[in-house]
Amino acid sequence: MTARAPFNVFDEIQTLTAICQPFAVATVVRTVAVTAAKAGAKAVIRSDGAISGGWIGGGCARAAVLKAARECLQDGKPRLIS
């Protein structure tokens, strides 16, 4: 079994751009409480709503990010959510 290379958000962006697949990029800009995701963490969300890689947290954060990503993919406008 060969080791898998770690996920690289920029490689994923390049791949999705090359195949003209819409996507959103979520970036954690700040955290307040104890959380698994840290500032600077990124995730790529495909047009089908699936996270193709990266990490932006779980639970409420994940749900809020996926909702905002769907909205961004519809209107093309960035969002800052908390």
N, C-alpha and C. Protein backbone atom coordinates (compact mmCIF):
# COMPACT_ATOMS: atom_id res chain seq x y z
N MET A 1 0.84 -1.17 0.00
CA MET A 1 0.00 0.00 0.00
C MET A 1 0.89 1.24 0.00
N THR A 2 0.61 2.17 -0.92
CA THR A 2 1.42 3.37 -1.00
C THR A 2 0.76 4.49 -0.18
N ALA A 3 1.60 5.33 0.35
CA ALA A 3 1.09 6.46 1.14
C ALA A 3 0.47 7.50 0.20
N ARG A 4 -0.63 8.05 0.64
CA ARG A 4 -1.31 9.09 -0.13
C ARG A 4 -0.70 10.45 0.20
N ALA A 5 -0.50 11.26 -0.82
CA ALA A 5 0.03 12.61 -0.59
C ALA A 5 -1.00 13.42 0.17
N PRO A 6 -0.56 14.31 1.04
CA PRO A 6 -1.51 15.15 1.78
C PRO A 6 -2.30 16.03 0.80
N PHE A 7 -3.53 16.36 1.19
CA PHE A 7 -4.37 17.20 0.35
C PHE A 7 -3.75 18.57 0.21
N ASN A 8 -3.72 19.06 -1.02
CA ASN A 8 -3.22 20.40 -1.30
C ASN A 8 -4.36 21.19 -1.93
N VAL A 9 -4.87 22.19 -1.20
CA VAL A 9 -6.02 22.96 -1.65
C VAL A 9 -5.73 23.64 -2.99
N PHE A 10 -4.52 24.07 -3.21
CA PHE A 10 -4.19 24.76 -4.44
C PHE A 10 -4.15 23.82 -5.64
N ASP A 11 -3.72 22.59 -5.43
CA ASP A 11 -3.78 21.58 -6.50
C ASP A 11 -5.24 21.30 -6.88
N GLU A 12 -6.10 21.22 -5.88
CA GLU A 12 -7.52 20.96 -6.12
C GLU A 12 -8.15 22.12 -6.89
N ILE A 13 -7.83 23.35 -6.52
CA ILE A 13 -8.33 24.53 -7.23
C ILE A 13 -7.88 24.48 -8.69
N GLN A 14 -6.63 24.16 -8.91
CA GLN A 14 -6.09 24.09 -10.27
C GLN A 14 -6.81 23.00 -11.08
N THR A 15 -7.04 21.86 -10.48
CA THR A 15 -7.72 20.76 -11.16
C THR A 15 -9.15 21.15 -11.53
N LEU A 16 -9.90 21.68 -10.56
CA LEU A 16 -11.30 22.05 -10.83
C LEU A 16 -11.39 23.18 -11.85
N THR A 17 -10.47 24.11 -11.80
CA THR A 17 -10.44 25.20 -12.78
C THR A 17 -10.18 24.64 -14.18
N ALA A 18 -9.24 23.72 -14.28
CA ALA A 18 -8.88 23.13 -15.58
C ALA A 18 -10.04 22.40 -16.23
N ILE A 19 -10.92 21.81 -15.42
CA ILE A 19 -12.05 21.07 -16.00
C ILE A 19 -13.34 21.90 -15.96
N CYS A 20 -13.20 23.20 -15.70
CA CYS A 20 -14.33 24.14 -15.68
C CYS A 20 -15.43 23.71 -14.71
N GLN A 21 -15.03 23.17 -13.57
CA GLN A 21 -15.98 22.74 -12.53
C GLN A 21 -16.13 23.85 -11.50
N PRO A 22 -17.33 24.37 -11.30
CA PRO A 22 -17.52 25.43 -10.28
C PRO A 22 -17.17 24.92 -8.88
N PHE A 23 -16.65 25.81 -8.05
CA PHE A 23 -16.29 25.46 -6.68
C PHE A 23 -16.22 26.72 -5.84
N ALA A 24 -16.21 26.54 -4.55
CA ALA A 24 -16.00 27.63 -3.60
C ALA A 24 -14.84 27.23 -2.70
N VAL A 25 -14.12 28.22 -2.21
CA VAL A 25 -13.05 27.98 -1.26
C VAL A 25 -13.43 28.64 0.05
N ALA A 26 -13.42 27.86 1.12
CA ALA A 26 -13.71 28.39 2.45
C ALA A 26 -12.40 28.49 3.21
N THR A 27 -12.22 29.62 3.89
CA THR A 27 -11.02 29.83 4.69
C THR A 27 -11.43 30.27 6.09
N VAL A 28 -10.90 29.61 7.09
CA VAL A 28 -11.14 30.01 8.47
C VAL A 28 -10.27 31.24 8.73
N VAL A 29 -10.90 32.36 9.07
CA VAL A 29 -10.13 33.58 9.30
C VAL A 29 -9.90 33.86 10.78
N ARG A 30 -10.78 33.29 11.63
CA ARG A 30 -10.62 33.51 13.07
C ARG A 30 -11.43 32.45 13.81
N THR A 31 -10.93 32.04 14.95
CA THR A 31 -11.69 31.16 15.83
C THR A 31 -11.74 31.80 17.20
N VAL A 32 -12.80 31.49 17.94
CA VAL A 32 -12.97 32.08 19.27
C VAL A 32 -12.79 31.03 20.35
N ALA A 33 -13.55 29.97 20.26
CA ALA A 33 -13.49 28.91 21.26
C ALA A 33 -12.54 27.80 20.79
N VAL A 34 -12.37 26.81 21.62
CA VAL A 34 -11.56 25.65 21.26
C VAL A 34 -12.23 24.95 20.09
N THR A 35 -11.47 24.74 19.02
CA THR A 35 -12.01 24.10 17.82
C THR A 35 -10.90 23.36 17.10
N ALA A 36 -11.29 22.36 16.32
CA ALA A 36 -10.31 21.59 15.56
C ALA A 36 -9.73 22.41 14.41
N ALA A 37 -10.54 23.27 13.83
CA ALA A 37 -10.07 24.10 12.72
C ALA A 37 -9.37 25.34 13.27
N LYS A 38 -8.30 25.71 12.66
CA LYS A 38 -7.53 26.88 13.08
C LYS A 38 -7.54 27.93 11.99
N ALA A 39 -7.27 29.17 12.34
CA ALA A 39 -7.19 30.25 11.35
C ALA A 39 -6.22 29.85 10.24
N GLY A 40 -6.66 30.07 9.01
CA GLY A 40 -5.85 29.71 7.84
C GLY A 40 -6.26 28.38 7.22
N ALA A 41 -7.03 27.59 7.96
CA ALA A 41 -7.48 26.30 7.40
C ALA A 41 -8.40 26.57 6.21
N LYS A 42 -8.32 25.71 5.20
CA LYS A 42 -9.09 25.90 3.98
C LYS A 42 -9.77 24.60 3.58
N ALA A 43 -10.88 24.76 2.83
CA ALA A 43 -11.56 23.62 2.24
C ALA A 43 -12.10 24.04 0.89
N VAL A 44 -12.17 23.09 -0.02
CA VAL A 44 -12.75 23.32 -1.34
C VAL A 44 -14.10 22.64 -1.37
N ILE A 45 -15.13 23.40 -1.76
CA ILE A 45 -16.49 22.86 -1.83
C ILE A 45 -16.91 22.86 -3.29
N ARG A 46 -17.24 21.67 -3.80
CA ARG A 46 -17.66 21.53 -5.19
C ARG A 46 -19.10 21.99 -5.36
N SER A 47 -19.51 22.13 -6.60
CA SER A 47 -20.85 22.62 -6.91
C SER A 47 -21.95 21.68 -6.42
N ASP A 48 -21.62 20.40 -6.19
CA ASP A 48 -22.62 19.46 -5.67
C ASP A 48 -22.74 19.53 -4.15
N GLY A 49 -21.97 20.45 -3.53
CA GLY A 49 -22.03 20.64 -2.09
C GLY A 49 -21.07 19.77 -1.30
N ALA A 50 -20.33 18.93 -1.97
CA ALA A 50 -19.37 18.06 -1.29
C ALA A 50 -18.06 18.79 -1.04
N ILE A 51 -17.47 18.54 0.10
CA ILE A 51 -16.13 19.07 0.38
C ILE A 51 -15.15 18.11 -0.26
N SER A 52 -14.41 18.60 -1.25
CA SER A 52 -13.49 17.72 -1.96
C SER A 52 -12.16 17.59 -1.24
N GLY A 53 -11.94 18.40 -0.25
CA GLY A 53 -10.73 18.29 0.54
C GLY A 53 -10.55 19.50 1.43
N GLY A 54 -9.72 19.34 2.43
CA GLY A 54 -9.48 20.40 3.37
C GLY A 54 -10.32 20.23 4.63
N TRP A 55 -10.23 21.19 5.51
CA TRP A 55 -10.94 21.10 6.79
C TRP A 55 -11.31 22.49 7.27
N ILE A 56 -12.57 22.68 7.61
CA ILE A 56 -13.04 23.97 8.13
C ILE A 56 -13.81 23.78 9.43
N GLY A 57 -13.70 22.61 10.01
CA GLY A 57 -14.39 22.33 11.26
C GLY A 57 -15.58 21.42 11.03
N GLY A 58 -16.23 21.09 12.11
CA GLY A 58 -17.39 20.20 12.02
C GLY A 58 -18.60 20.87 12.62
N GLY A 59 -19.66 20.11 12.76
CA GLY A 59 -20.87 20.59 13.41
C GLY A 59 -21.46 21.82 12.79
N CYS A 60 -21.72 22.81 13.62
CA CYS A 60 -22.37 24.06 13.18
C CYS A 60 -21.53 24.80 12.15
N ALA A 61 -20.22 24.83 12.34
CA ALA A 61 -19.35 25.54 11.41
C ALA A 61 -19.45 24.93 10.02
N ARG A 62 -19.40 23.63 9.95
CA ARG A 62 -19.48 22.94 8.66
C ARG A 62 -20.81 23.24 7.97
N ALA A 63 -21.90 23.15 8.70
CA ALA A 63 -23.22 23.41 8.12
C ALA A 63 -23.32 24.84 7.61
N ALA A 64 -22.83 25.80 8.37
CA ALA A 64 -22.88 27.21 7.97
C ALA A 64 -22.02 27.46 6.74
N VAL A 65 -20.86 26.85 6.69
CA VAL A 65 -19.97 27.02 5.54
C VAL A 65 -20.58 26.42 4.28
N LEU A 66 -21.15 25.24 4.39
CA LEU A 66 -21.75 24.61 3.21
C LEU A 66 -22.93 25.42 2.70
N LYS A 67 -23.72 25.98 3.60
CA LYS A 67 -24.85 26.83 3.18
C LYS A 67 -24.32 28.07 2.46
N ALA A 68 -23.32 28.73 3.03
CA ALA A 68 -22.74 29.92 2.40
C ALA A 68 -22.10 29.58 1.06
N ALA A 69 -21.45 28.44 0.96
CA ALA A 69 -20.83 28.02 -0.30
C ALA A 69 -21.88 27.85 -1.39
N ARG A 70 -23.01 27.23 -1.05
CA ARG A 70 -24.09 27.07 -2.03
C ARG A 70 -24.56 28.43 -2.53
N GLU A 71 -24.73 29.37 -1.60
CA GLU A 71 -25.16 30.73 -1.97
C GLU A 71 -24.11 31.41 -2.86
N CYS A 72 -22.85 31.26 -2.51
CA CYS A 72 -21.77 31.86 -3.31
C CYS A 72 -21.74 31.28 -4.72
N LEU A 73 -21.95 30.00 -4.82
CA LEU A 73 -21.95 29.36 -6.13
C LEU A 73 -23.13 29.82 -6.98
N GLN A 74 -24.22 30.23 -6.34
CA GLN A 74 -25.38 30.72 -7.07
C GLN A 74 -25.20 32.16 -7.55
N ASP A 75 -24.66 33.03 -6.69
CA ASP A 75 -24.61 34.44 -7.07
C ASP A 75 -23.19 34.97 -7.32
N GLY A 76 -22.18 34.17 -7.06
CA GLY A 76 -20.80 34.58 -7.33
C GLY A 76 -20.23 35.59 -6.37
N LYS A 77 -20.93 35.86 -5.27
CA LYS A 77 -20.45 36.86 -4.30
C LYS A 77 -19.81 36.18 -3.10
N PRO A 78 -18.72 36.76 -2.60
CA PRO A 78 -18.06 36.18 -1.41
C PRO A 78 -18.90 36.43 -0.16
N ARG A 79 -18.64 35.65 0.86
CA ARG A 79 -19.34 35.78 2.14
C ARG A 79 -18.31 35.75 3.27
N LEU A 80 -18.64 36.46 4.34
CA LEU A 80 -17.90 36.34 5.60
C LEU A 80 -18.95 35.94 6.61
N ILE A 81 -18.82 34.74 7.15
CA ILE A 81 -19.83 34.24 8.08
C ILE A 81 -19.22 34.04 9.46
N SER A 82 -20.07 34.04 10.46
CA SER A 82 -19.58 33.79 11.82
C SER A 82 -20.57 32.90 12.54
